[in-house]
Amino acid sequence: MNGLPQQRSAQDFTPMDAEDRELAARVRLYLGTTRPALASLGVDAACGCVYLRGQVGTFHLRQLAIAAARRVAGVRDVVDELTVSADRSAPSPLPASS
């Protein structure tokens, strides 16, 4: 031990592909059983970090997807790359009064 930080190789940062695929599959399954509307979302994982991609209909569904993904065992972090589509049934905002 010389007091210098230990050198790391690229292998130290390479995710375990089989574990990542299994984690992504568990998150996908949980999302689909929690809310069928979330079953079509893209889910990727790397080293316990889950990436959610795709489009949801409401902000509420976006929050549900993130919360549900966090509940799956093995998930360390969730990266939200979801977009919310314009909800045409929602009332339009009131115009600003002058």
N, C-alpha and C. Protein backbone atom coordinates (compact mmCIF):
# COMPACT_ATOMS: atom_id res chain seq x y z
N MET A 1 0.84 -1.18 0.00
CA MET A 1 0.00 0.00 0.00
C MET A 1 0.88 1.24 0.00
N ASN A 2 0.80 1.99 -1.06
CA ASN A 2 1.64 3.17 -1.19
C ASN A 2 0.84 4.46 -0.99
N GLY A 3 -0.41 4.37 -0.60
CA GLY A 3 -1.22 5.55 -0.37
C GLY A 3 -1.86 6.11 -1.62
N LEU A 4 -1.50 5.60 -2.80
CA LEU A 4 -2.11 6.05 -4.05
C LEU A 4 -3.36 5.25 -4.33
N PRO A 5 -4.33 5.86 -5.03
CA PRO A 5 -5.53 5.10 -5.37
C PRO A 5 -5.16 3.92 -6.26
N GLN A 6 -5.85 2.83 -6.05
CA GLN A 6 -5.59 1.63 -6.82
C GLN A 6 -6.12 1.81 -8.24
N GLN A 7 -5.35 1.35 -9.23
CA GLN A 7 -5.76 1.44 -10.63
C GLN A 7 -6.88 0.43 -10.88
N ARG A 8 -7.84 0.85 -11.68
CA ARG A 8 -8.95 -0.05 -12.02
C ARG A 8 -8.90 -0.32 -13.51
N SER A 9 -9.30 -1.50 -13.87
CA SER A 9 -9.35 -1.85 -15.28
C SER A 9 -10.75 -1.67 -15.81
N ALA A 10 -10.91 -1.74 -17.12
CA ALA A 10 -12.23 -1.60 -17.74
C ALA A 10 -13.17 -2.70 -17.25
N GLN A 11 -12.63 -3.85 -16.89
CA GLN A 11 -13.47 -4.95 -16.41
C GLN A 11 -14.18 -4.60 -15.11
N ASP A 12 -13.58 -3.73 -14.31
CA ASP A 12 -14.21 -3.33 -13.05
C ASP A 12 -15.51 -2.57 -13.29
N PHE A 13 -15.65 -1.97 -14.45
CA PHE A 13 -16.82 -1.16 -14.75
C PHE A 13 -17.77 -1.83 -15.74
N THR A 14 -17.45 -3.01 -16.19
CA THR A 14 -18.29 -3.72 -17.15
C THR A 14 -19.45 -4.35 -16.40
N PRO A 15 -20.69 -4.01 -16.78
CA PRO A 15 -21.83 -4.62 -16.08
C PRO A 15 -21.94 -6.11 -16.39
N MET A 16 -22.50 -6.82 -15.46
CA MET A 16 -22.75 -8.24 -15.68
C MET A 16 -24.00 -8.36 -16.53
N ASP A 17 -23.83 -8.67 -17.78
CA ASP A 17 -24.94 -8.66 -18.73
C ASP A 17 -26.11 -9.54 -18.32
N ALA A 18 -25.84 -10.74 -17.84
CA ALA A 18 -26.92 -11.65 -17.46
C ALA A 18 -27.73 -11.07 -16.30
N GLU A 19 -27.05 -10.51 -15.32
CA GLU A 19 -27.76 -9.93 -14.17
C GLU A 19 -28.56 -8.70 -14.60
N ASP A 20 -28.00 -7.89 -15.48
CA ASP A 20 -28.71 -6.71 -15.96
C ASP A 20 -29.96 -7.09 -16.75
N ARG A 21 -29.83 -8.10 -17.60
CA ARG A 21 -30.99 -8.55 -18.37
C ARG A 21 -32.08 -9.09 -17.45
N GLU A 22 -31.66 -9.83 -16.44
CA GLU A 22 -32.63 -10.40 -15.50
C GLU A 22 -33.31 -9.30 -14.69
N LEU A 23 -32.55 -8.30 -14.26
CA LEU A 23 -33.13 -7.18 -13.53
C LEU A 23 -34.11 -6.41 -14.40
N ALA A 24 -33.73 -6.12 -15.64
CA ALA A 24 -34.63 -5.40 -16.56
C ALA A 24 -35.91 -6.21 -16.80
N ALA A 25 -35.79 -7.52 -16.92
CA ALA A 25 -36.97 -8.37 -17.14
C ALA A 25 -37.88 -8.34 -15.93
N ARG A 26 -37.31 -8.35 -14.71
CA ARG A 26 -38.14 -8.29 -13.50
C ARG A 26 -38.85 -6.95 -13.38
N VAL A 27 -38.15 -5.87 -13.73
CA VAL A 27 -38.78 -4.54 -13.69
C VAL A 27 -39.90 -4.47 -14.71
N ARG A 28 -39.64 -4.97 -15.94
CA ARG A 28 -40.66 -4.97 -16.99
C ARG A 28 -41.90 -5.73 -16.54
N LEU A 29 -41.70 -6.90 -15.95
CA LEU A 29 -42.81 -7.72 -15.48
C LEU A 29 -43.59 -6.99 -14.39
N TYR A 30 -42.89 -6.39 -13.45
CA TYR A 30 -43.56 -5.69 -12.35
C TYR A 30 -44.33 -4.48 -12.87
N LEU A 31 -43.76 -3.74 -13.80
CA LEU A 31 -44.48 -2.60 -14.38
C LEU A 31 -45.76 -3.05 -15.05
N GLY A 32 -45.68 -4.14 -15.82
CA GLY A 32 -46.85 -4.64 -16.54
C GLY A 32 -47.94 -5.16 -15.63
N THR A 33 -47.55 -5.76 -14.50
CA THR A 33 -48.57 -6.27 -13.58
C THR A 33 -49.12 -5.16 -12.69
N THR A 34 -48.31 -4.13 -12.44
CA THR A 34 -48.78 -3.00 -11.65
C THR A 34 -49.81 -2.19 -12.42
N ARG A 35 -49.47 -1.85 -13.64
CA ARG A 35 -50.34 -1.09 -14.54
C ARG A 35 -50.12 -1.58 -15.95
N PRO A 36 -51.11 -2.20 -16.59
CA PRO A 36 -50.94 -2.67 -17.97
C PRO A 36 -50.47 -1.57 -18.92
N ALA A 37 -50.82 -0.32 -18.65
CA ALA A 37 -50.40 0.79 -19.52
C ALA A 37 -48.88 0.98 -19.50
N LEU A 38 -48.20 0.42 -18.50
CA LEU A 38 -46.75 0.57 -18.38
C LEU A 38 -45.98 -0.59 -19.02
N ALA A 39 -46.69 -1.60 -19.49
CA ALA A 39 -46.05 -2.80 -20.03
C ALA A 39 -45.22 -2.53 -21.28
N SER A 40 -45.53 -1.49 -22.02
CA SER A 40 -44.83 -1.23 -23.27
C SER A 40 -43.60 -0.34 -23.10
N LEU A 41 -43.28 0.07 -21.89
CA LEU A 41 -42.13 0.94 -21.68
C LEU A 41 -40.83 0.19 -21.94
N GLY A 42 -39.83 0.93 -22.39
CA GLY A 42 -38.50 0.36 -22.55
C GLY A 42 -37.79 0.35 -21.21
N VAL A 43 -37.17 -0.78 -20.89
CA VAL A 43 -36.45 -0.92 -19.63
C VAL A 43 -35.08 -1.51 -19.93
N ASP A 44 -34.04 -0.80 -19.51
CA ASP A 44 -32.67 -1.29 -19.60
C ASP A 44 -32.06 -1.20 -18.22
N ALA A 45 -31.01 -1.97 -17.97
CA ALA A 45 -30.35 -1.93 -16.68
C ALA A 45 -28.84 -2.05 -16.87
N ALA A 46 -28.12 -1.40 -15.98
CA ALA A 46 -26.66 -1.50 -15.94
C ALA A 46 -26.21 -1.34 -14.50
N CYS A 47 -25.63 -2.38 -13.95
CA CYS A 47 -25.09 -2.36 -12.59
C CYS A 47 -26.12 -1.92 -11.55
N GLY A 48 -27.34 -2.36 -11.68
CA GLY A 48 -28.39 -2.02 -10.72
C GLY A 48 -29.11 -0.72 -11.01
N CYS A 49 -28.66 0.01 -12.01
CA CYS A 49 -29.32 1.25 -12.41
C CYS A 49 -30.30 0.93 -13.54
N VAL A 50 -31.56 1.29 -13.35
CA VAL A 50 -32.60 0.98 -14.34
C VAL A 50 -32.95 2.25 -15.11
N TYR A 51 -33.03 2.11 -16.42
CA TYR A 51 -33.38 3.22 -17.32
C TYR A 51 -34.77 2.96 -17.86
N LEU A 52 -35.69 3.90 -17.62
CA LEU A 52 -37.05 3.80 -18.15
C LEU A 52 -37.17 4.73 -19.35
N ARG A 53 -37.62 4.18 -20.48
CA ARG A 53 -37.76 4.96 -21.70
C ARG A 53 -39.13 4.71 -22.30
N GLY A 54 -39.63 5.74 -22.96
CA GLY A 54 -40.90 5.59 -23.65
C GLY A 54 -41.82 6.75 -23.33
N GLN A 55 -43.06 6.55 -23.70
CA GLN A 55 -44.06 7.60 -23.54
C GLN A 55 -45.22 7.09 -22.69
N VAL A 56 -45.66 7.93 -21.77
CA VAL A 56 -46.82 7.63 -20.95
C VAL A 56 -47.86 8.71 -21.17
N GLY A 57 -49.10 8.41 -20.84
CA GLY A 57 -50.19 9.33 -21.11
C GLY A 57 -50.34 10.47 -20.13
N THR A 58 -49.87 10.25 -18.89
CA THR A 58 -50.05 11.29 -17.87
C THR A 58 -48.82 11.37 -16.98
N PHE A 59 -48.71 12.50 -16.30
CA PHE A 59 -47.64 12.66 -15.32
C PHE A 59 -47.79 11.64 -14.20
N HIS A 60 -49.04 11.34 -13.83
CA HIS A 60 -49.30 10.36 -12.78
C HIS A 60 -48.73 8.99 -13.15
N LEU A 61 -48.94 8.55 -14.39
CA LEU A 61 -48.38 7.27 -14.84
C LEU A 61 -46.86 7.29 -14.82
N ARG A 62 -46.28 8.42 -15.14
CA ARG A 62 -44.82 8.56 -15.10
C ARG A 62 -44.32 8.33 -13.67
N GLN A 63 -44.97 8.97 -12.71
CA GLN A 63 -44.58 8.82 -11.31
C GLN A 63 -44.79 7.37 -10.83
N LEU A 64 -45.89 6.74 -11.26
CA LEU A 64 -46.14 5.34 -10.90
C LEU A 64 -45.05 4.42 -11.44
N ALA A 65 -44.63 4.66 -12.67
CA ALA A 65 -43.59 3.83 -13.29
C ALA A 65 -42.28 3.93 -12.52
N ILE A 66 -41.91 5.14 -12.17
CA ILE A 66 -40.66 5.35 -11.44
C ILE A 66 -40.73 4.69 -10.06
N ALA A 67 -41.83 4.90 -9.36
CA ALA A 67 -41.99 4.32 -8.03
C ALA A 67 -42.02 2.79 -8.09
N ALA A 68 -42.70 2.24 -9.08
CA ALA A 68 -42.78 0.79 -9.22
C ALA A 68 -41.40 0.20 -9.51
N ALA A 69 -40.64 0.82 -10.39
CA ALA A 69 -39.30 0.33 -10.72
C ALA A 69 -38.41 0.33 -9.49
N ARG A 70 -38.53 1.33 -8.64
CA ARG A 70 -37.71 1.42 -7.43
C ARG A 70 -38.03 0.30 -6.44
N ARG A 71 -39.23 -0.26 -6.51
CA ARG A 71 -39.63 -1.31 -5.57
C ARG A 71 -39.04 -2.68 -5.90
N VAL A 72 -38.52 -2.85 -7.10
CA VAL A 72 -38.01 -4.16 -7.51
C VAL A 72 -36.66 -4.42 -6.83
N ALA A 73 -36.52 -5.59 -6.25
CA ALA A 73 -35.27 -5.96 -5.57
C ALA A 73 -34.10 -5.89 -6.54
N GLY A 74 -33.02 -5.29 -6.09
CA GLY A 74 -31.81 -5.18 -6.92
C GLY A 74 -31.67 -3.85 -7.62
N VAL A 75 -32.73 -3.04 -7.63
CA VAL A 75 -32.66 -1.73 -8.27
C VAL A 75 -31.99 -0.76 -7.31
N ARG A 76 -30.89 -0.17 -7.75
CA ARG A 76 -30.17 0.81 -6.93
C ARG A 76 -30.58 2.23 -7.26
N ASP A 77 -30.91 2.47 -8.53
CA ASP A 77 -31.28 3.81 -8.97
C ASP A 77 -32.16 3.68 -10.20
N VAL A 78 -32.98 4.70 -10.45
CA VAL A 78 -33.85 4.73 -11.62
C VAL A 78 -33.57 6.02 -12.38
N VAL A 79 -33.28 5.88 -13.66
CA VAL A 79 -33.09 7.04 -14.52
C VAL A 79 -34.36 7.21 -15.35
N ASP A 80 -34.99 8.34 -15.18
CA ASP A 80 -36.26 8.64 -15.84
C ASP A 80 -36.01 9.30 -17.19
N GLU A 81 -36.24 8.54 -18.25
CA GLU A 81 -36.16 9.08 -19.60
C GLU A 81 -37.54 9.01 -20.27
N LEU A 82 -38.58 9.05 -19.45
CA LEU A 82 -39.96 8.97 -19.93
C LEU A 82 -40.43 10.33 -20.39
N THR A 83 -41.32 10.32 -21.37
CA THR A 83 -41.97 11.56 -21.80
C THR A 83 -43.47 11.40 -21.59
N VAL A 84 -44.12 12.50 -21.31
CA VAL A 84 -45.56 12.50 -21.11
C VAL A 84 -46.20 13.07 -22.35
N SER A 85 -47.09 12.29 -22.95
CA SER A 85 -47.78 12.77 -24.14
C SER A 85 -48.82 13.80 -23.73
N ALA A 86 -49.14 14.68 -24.65
CA ALA A 86 -50.15 15.71 -24.37
C ALA A 86 -51.48 15.02 -24.14
N ASP A 87 -52.08 15.30 -23.01
CA ASP A 87 -53.37 14.72 -22.67
C ASP A 87 -54.46 15.63 -23.22
N ARG A 88 -55.08 15.22 -24.29
CA ARG A 88 -56.08 16.05 -24.96
C ARG A 88 -57.38 16.17 -24.16
N SER A 89 -57.60 15.24 -23.23
CA SER A 89 -58.84 15.29 -22.45
C SER A 89 -58.73 16.25 -21.26
N ALA A 90 -57.52 16.66 -20.94
CA ALA A 90 -57.34 17.56 -19.80
C ALA A 90 -57.79 18.97 -20.18
N PRO A 91 -58.35 19.68 -19.23
CA PRO A 91 -58.77 21.05 -19.53
C PRO A 91 -57.56 21.92 -19.83
N SER A 92 -57.75 22.85 -20.74
CA SER A 92 -56.65 23.74 -21.09
C SER A 92 -56.49 24.76 -19.96
N PRO A 93 -55.26 25.23 -19.77
CA PRO A 93 -55.05 26.20 -18.70
C PRO A 93 -55.82 27.49 -18.96
N LEU A 94 -56.19 28.14 -17.89
CA LEU A 94 -56.93 29.40 -18.02
C LEU A 94 -55.99 30.49 -18.53
N PRO A 95 -56.50 31.37 -19.37
CA PRO A 95 -55.64 32.46 -19.83
C PRO A 95 -55.31 33.41 -18.67
N ALA A 96 -54.15 34.01 -18.75
CA ALA A 96 -53.73 34.93 -17.70
C ALA A 96 -54.63 36.17 -17.74
N SER A 97 -55.05 36.59 -16.55
CA SER A 97 -55.89 37.80 -16.51
C SER A 97 -55.01 39.04 -16.48
N SER A 98 -55.49 40.11 -17.07
CA SER A 98 -54.69 41.32 -17.09
C SER A 98 -55.19 42.36 -16.14
